[in-house]
Amino acid sequence: PPLLDVQRTFYTAAAVAGIHGAGLGNVLFCRPGTHVIEVACQQPHCHYFAHASMALDFQYWFVPLTPRHAHLLRFVEPPEEELLGEVACQ
């Protein structure tokens, strides 16, 4: 999509959820206070969006992939009760 459409979409989002990767870079267009939910591995290189979220005043949520090499799994089971309970309370 055109960049202006992407900017408008992310600017109006209350929350953005995604797998760790370049696609989450569009959170740069979000407003302060936006919830950013990232599913990622626990290695240090997977924390870039946490740092960006703090700098941009987002509400950051980290959903860890617990098994080693979880990025190679076909299906991932995030801790739904914990995640959904926390988001619902906000």
N, C-alpha and C. Protein backbone atom coordinates (compact mmCIF):
# COMPACT_ATOMS: atom_id res chain seq x y z
N PRO A 1 0.83 -1.20 0.00
CA PRO A 1 0.00 0.00 0.00
C PRO A 1 0.87 1.26 0.00
N PRO A 2 0.31 2.33 -0.46
CA PRO A 2 1.06 3.60 -0.45
C PRO A 2 1.44 4.00 0.98
N LEU A 3 2.57 4.65 1.12
CA LEU A 3 3.08 5.03 2.43
C LEU A 3 2.08 5.87 3.21
N LEU A 4 1.39 6.77 2.56
CA LEU A 4 0.41 7.61 3.25
C LEU A 4 -0.72 6.77 3.86
N ASP A 5 -1.14 5.74 3.15
CA ASP A 5 -2.18 4.84 3.69
C ASP A 5 -1.67 4.07 4.91
N VAL A 6 -0.43 3.63 4.85
CA VAL A 6 0.17 2.92 5.97
C VAL A 6 0.25 3.85 7.17
N GLN A 7 0.69 5.08 6.93
CA GLN A 7 0.82 6.06 8.01
C GLN A 7 -0.54 6.31 8.67
N ARG A 8 -1.58 6.51 7.89
CA ARG A 8 -2.92 6.75 8.43
C ARG A 8 -3.42 5.56 9.23
N THR A 9 -3.22 4.36 8.70
CA THR A 9 -3.68 3.14 9.38
C THR A 9 -3.03 2.99 10.74
N PHE A 10 -1.72 3.14 10.81
CA PHE A 10 -1.02 2.95 12.07
C PHE A 10 -1.27 4.12 13.02
N TYR A 11 -1.46 5.32 12.50
CA TYR A 11 -1.72 6.47 13.36
C TYR A 11 -3.05 6.33 14.10
N THR A 12 -4.01 5.69 13.47
CA THR A 12 -5.33 5.54 14.10
C THR A 12 -5.47 4.25 14.91
N ALA A 13 -4.45 3.41 14.92
CA ALA A 13 -4.54 2.13 15.63
C ALA A 13 -4.45 2.32 17.14
N ALA A 14 -5.30 1.59 17.87
CA ALA A 14 -5.21 1.57 19.34
C ALA A 14 -4.18 0.54 19.77
N ALA A 15 -4.01 -0.50 18.95
CA ALA A 15 -3.04 -1.56 19.25
C ALA A 15 -2.50 -2.14 17.95
N VAL A 16 -1.25 -2.58 18.02
CA VAL A 16 -0.60 -3.24 16.89
C VAL A 16 0.03 -4.51 17.44
N ALA A 17 -0.28 -5.64 16.82
CA ALA A 17 0.29 -6.92 17.25
C ALA A 17 1.01 -7.56 16.08
N GLY A 18 2.15 -8.18 16.37
CA GLY A 18 2.86 -8.83 15.29
C GLY A 18 4.04 -9.63 15.78
N ILE A 19 4.59 -10.39 14.85
CA ILE A 19 5.79 -11.17 15.08
C ILE A 19 6.99 -10.25 14.93
N HIS A 20 8.01 -10.46 15.73
CA HIS A 20 9.23 -9.66 15.64
C HIS A 20 9.74 -9.64 14.20
N GLY A 21 9.96 -8.46 13.67
CA GLY A 21 10.48 -8.34 12.32
C GLY A 21 10.26 -6.94 11.77
N ALA A 22 10.65 -6.75 10.55
CA ALA A 22 10.61 -5.44 9.92
C ALA A 22 9.21 -4.84 9.83
N GLY A 23 8.19 -5.68 9.72
CA GLY A 23 6.82 -5.18 9.61
C GLY A 23 6.40 -4.35 10.81
N LEU A 24 6.96 -4.65 11.98
CA LEU A 24 6.61 -3.86 13.17
C LEU A 24 7.23 -2.46 13.11
N GLY A 25 8.10 -2.23 12.18
CA GLY A 25 8.69 -0.90 12.03
C GLY A 25 7.67 0.18 11.76
N ASN A 26 6.50 -0.22 11.27
CA ASN A 26 5.45 0.76 11.00
C ASN A 26 4.88 1.37 12.28
N VAL A 27 5.23 0.82 13.44
CA VAL A 27 4.76 1.45 14.68
C VAL A 27 5.31 2.86 14.83
N LEU A 28 6.31 3.21 14.06
CA LEU A 28 6.82 4.58 14.10
C LEU A 28 5.74 5.60 13.77
N PHE A 29 4.69 5.17 13.09
CA PHE A 29 3.59 6.06 12.74
C PHE A 29 2.51 6.13 13.82
N CYS A 30 2.61 5.31 14.85
CA CYS A 30 1.58 5.26 15.89
C CYS A 30 1.67 6.46 16.83
N ARG A 31 0.55 6.72 17.50
CA ARG A 31 0.49 7.78 18.50
C ARG A 31 1.02 7.28 19.84
N PRO A 32 1.52 8.18 20.69
CA PRO A 32 1.90 7.77 22.04
C PRO A 32 0.71 7.10 22.74
N GLY A 33 1.00 6.07 23.52
CA GLY A 33 -0.04 5.35 24.22
C GLY A 33 -0.56 4.13 23.48
N THR A 34 -0.19 3.99 22.21
CA THR A 34 -0.61 2.82 21.44
C THR A 34 -0.02 1.56 22.06
N HIS A 35 -0.79 0.49 22.11
CA HIS A 35 -0.31 -0.80 22.60
C HIS A 35 0.43 -1.51 21.47
N VAL A 36 1.63 -1.91 21.73
CA VAL A 36 2.44 -2.68 20.78
C VAL A 36 2.65 -4.06 21.39
N ILE A 37 2.14 -5.08 20.73
CA ILE A 37 2.22 -6.46 21.21
C ILE A 37 3.14 -7.22 20.26
N GLU A 38 4.28 -7.64 20.80
CA GLU A 38 5.28 -8.30 19.97
C GLU A 38 5.47 -9.75 20.42
N VAL A 39 5.36 -10.67 19.48
CA VAL A 39 5.66 -12.07 19.71
C VAL A 39 7.08 -12.28 19.20
N ALA A 40 7.99 -12.66 20.12
CA ALA A 40 9.39 -12.73 19.72
C ALA A 40 10.17 -13.73 20.57
N CYS A 41 11.35 -14.04 20.09
CA CYS A 41 12.26 -14.90 20.83
C CYS A 41 12.83 -14.12 22.01
N GLN A 42 13.46 -14.82 22.92
CA GLN A 42 13.96 -14.17 24.12
C GLN A 42 15.41 -13.71 24.01
N GLN A 43 16.05 -13.94 22.89
CA GLN A 43 17.44 -13.51 22.73
C GLN A 43 17.51 -11.98 22.72
N PRO A 44 18.64 -11.42 23.14
CA PRO A 44 18.79 -9.96 23.23
C PRO A 44 18.50 -9.21 21.92
N HIS A 45 18.79 -9.82 20.78
CA HIS A 45 18.56 -9.12 19.51
C HIS A 45 17.07 -8.95 19.21
N CYS A 46 16.21 -9.54 19.99
CA CYS A 46 14.76 -9.44 19.75
C CYS A 46 14.09 -8.35 20.58
N HIS A 47 14.85 -7.44 21.12
CA HIS A 47 14.27 -6.43 22.00
C HIS A 47 14.29 -5.01 21.42
N TYR A 48 14.53 -4.90 20.13
CA TYR A 48 14.58 -3.57 19.51
C TYR A 48 13.25 -2.83 19.64
N PHE A 49 12.14 -3.53 19.48
CA PHE A 49 10.85 -2.85 19.52
C PHE A 49 10.46 -2.48 20.95
N ALA A 50 11.01 -3.17 21.93
CA ALA A 50 10.79 -2.78 23.32
C ALA A 50 11.45 -1.42 23.56
N HIS A 51 12.66 -1.27 23.09
CA HIS A 51 13.38 -0.01 23.26
C HIS A 51 12.69 1.12 22.50
N ALA A 52 12.29 0.85 21.28
CA ALA A 52 11.59 1.86 20.48
C ALA A 52 10.27 2.25 21.14
N SER A 53 9.57 1.27 21.68
CA SER A 53 8.28 1.54 22.33
C SER A 53 8.46 2.44 23.55
N MET A 54 9.50 2.20 24.31
CA MET A 54 9.75 3.06 25.47
C MET A 54 10.07 4.48 25.02
N ALA A 55 10.88 4.60 23.98
CA ALA A 55 11.27 5.92 23.50
C ALA A 55 10.08 6.69 22.91
N LEU A 56 9.13 5.97 22.32
CA LEU A 56 7.99 6.61 21.66
C LEU A 56 6.73 6.64 22.53
N ASP A 57 6.86 6.25 23.79
CA ASP A 57 5.76 6.29 24.76
C ASP A 57 4.60 5.38 24.38
N PHE A 58 4.93 4.17 23.92
CA PHE A 58 3.91 3.15 23.63
C PHE A 58 3.76 2.25 24.85
N GLN A 59 2.64 1.55 24.92
CA GLN A 59 2.44 0.51 25.93
C GLN A 59 2.91 -0.79 25.29
N TYR A 60 4.03 -1.32 25.75
CA TYR A 60 4.67 -2.46 25.11
C TYR A 60 4.33 -3.76 25.83
N TRP A 61 3.99 -4.78 25.05
CA TRP A 61 3.69 -6.11 25.57
C TRP A 61 4.57 -7.11 24.84
N PHE A 62 5.28 -7.92 25.60
CA PHE A 62 6.18 -8.93 25.04
C PHE A 62 5.57 -10.30 25.26
N VAL A 63 5.36 -11.04 24.18
CA VAL A 63 4.87 -12.42 24.26
C VAL A 63 6.04 -13.31 23.84
N PRO A 64 6.69 -13.96 24.81
CA PRO A 64 7.89 -14.73 24.49
C PRO A 64 7.61 -16.04 23.80
N LEU A 65 8.47 -16.38 22.89
CA LEU A 65 8.51 -17.72 22.31
C LEU A 65 9.45 -18.50 23.23
N THR A 66 8.93 -19.41 23.99
CA THR A 66 9.74 -20.03 25.04
C THR A 66 10.70 -21.12 24.59
N PRO A 67 10.31 -22.03 23.71
CA PRO A 67 11.29 -23.07 23.36
C PRO A 67 12.44 -22.49 22.54
N ARG A 68 13.59 -23.08 22.72
CA ARG A 68 14.75 -22.67 21.91
C ARG A 68 14.42 -22.96 20.44
N HIS A 69 14.78 -22.07 19.58
CA HIS A 69 14.53 -22.17 18.14
C HIS A 69 13.02 -22.17 17.84
N ALA A 70 12.24 -21.47 18.66
CA ALA A 70 10.79 -21.44 18.47
C ALA A 70 10.42 -20.80 17.13
N HIS A 71 11.30 -19.98 16.58
CA HIS A 71 11.01 -19.36 15.30
C HIS A 71 10.90 -20.40 14.18
N LEU A 72 11.37 -21.61 14.44
CA LEU A 72 11.27 -22.67 13.45
C LEU A 72 9.98 -23.47 13.57
N LEU A 73 9.20 -23.23 14.63
CA LEU A 73 7.95 -23.97 14.82
C LEU A 73 6.89 -23.49 13.85
N ARG A 74 6.01 -24.39 13.49
CA ARG A 74 4.92 -24.00 12.59
C ARG A 74 3.81 -23.29 13.36
N PHE A 75 3.53 -23.73 14.58
CA PHE A 75 2.50 -23.12 15.41
C PHE A 75 3.11 -22.72 16.75
N VAL A 76 2.69 -21.59 17.27
CA VAL A 76 3.16 -21.10 18.56
C VAL A 76 1.95 -20.89 19.45
N GLU A 77 2.06 -21.29 20.69
CA GLU A 77 0.97 -21.11 21.64
C GLU A 77 1.36 -20.05 22.66
N PRO A 78 0.94 -18.79 22.45
CA PRO A 78 1.25 -17.74 23.42
C PRO A 78 0.43 -17.93 24.69
N PRO A 79 0.85 -17.36 25.79
CA PRO A 79 0.09 -17.48 27.04
C PRO A 79 -1.16 -16.60 26.97
N GLU A 80 -2.23 -17.11 26.34
CA GLU A 80 -3.43 -16.32 26.05
C GLU A 80 -4.06 -15.69 27.28
N GLU A 81 -4.25 -16.45 28.34
CA GLU A 81 -4.92 -15.91 29.52
C GLU A 81 -4.15 -14.73 30.10
N GLU A 82 -2.84 -14.88 30.17
CA GLU A 82 -2.03 -13.81 30.72
C GLU A 82 -2.08 -12.58 29.82
N LEU A 83 -1.91 -12.77 28.52
CA LEU A 83 -1.91 -11.66 27.59
C LEU A 83 -3.26 -10.99 27.50
N LEU A 84 -4.30 -11.76 27.29
CA LEU A 84 -5.64 -11.19 27.13
C LEU A 84 -6.14 -10.57 28.43
N GLY A 85 -5.79 -11.18 29.56
CA GLY A 85 -6.16 -10.60 30.84
C GLY A 85 -5.54 -9.25 31.06
N GLU A 86 -4.26 -9.13 30.71
CA GLU A 86 -3.55 -7.85 30.88
C GLU A 86 -4.10 -6.78 29.94
N VAL A 87 -4.36 -7.12 28.69
CA VAL A 87 -4.86 -6.14 27.73
C VAL A 87 -6.27 -5.71 28.12
N ALA A 88 -7.10 -6.65 28.57
CA ALA A 88 -8.47 -6.34 28.94
C ALA A 88 -8.52 -5.39 30.13
N CYS A 89 -7.52 -5.45 30.98
CA CYS A 89 -7.48 -4.58 32.17
C CYS A 89 -7.06 -3.16 31.85
N GLN A 90 -6.49 -2.94 30.70
CA GLN A 90 -5.98 -1.61 30.36
C GLN A 90 -7.08 -0.67 29.99
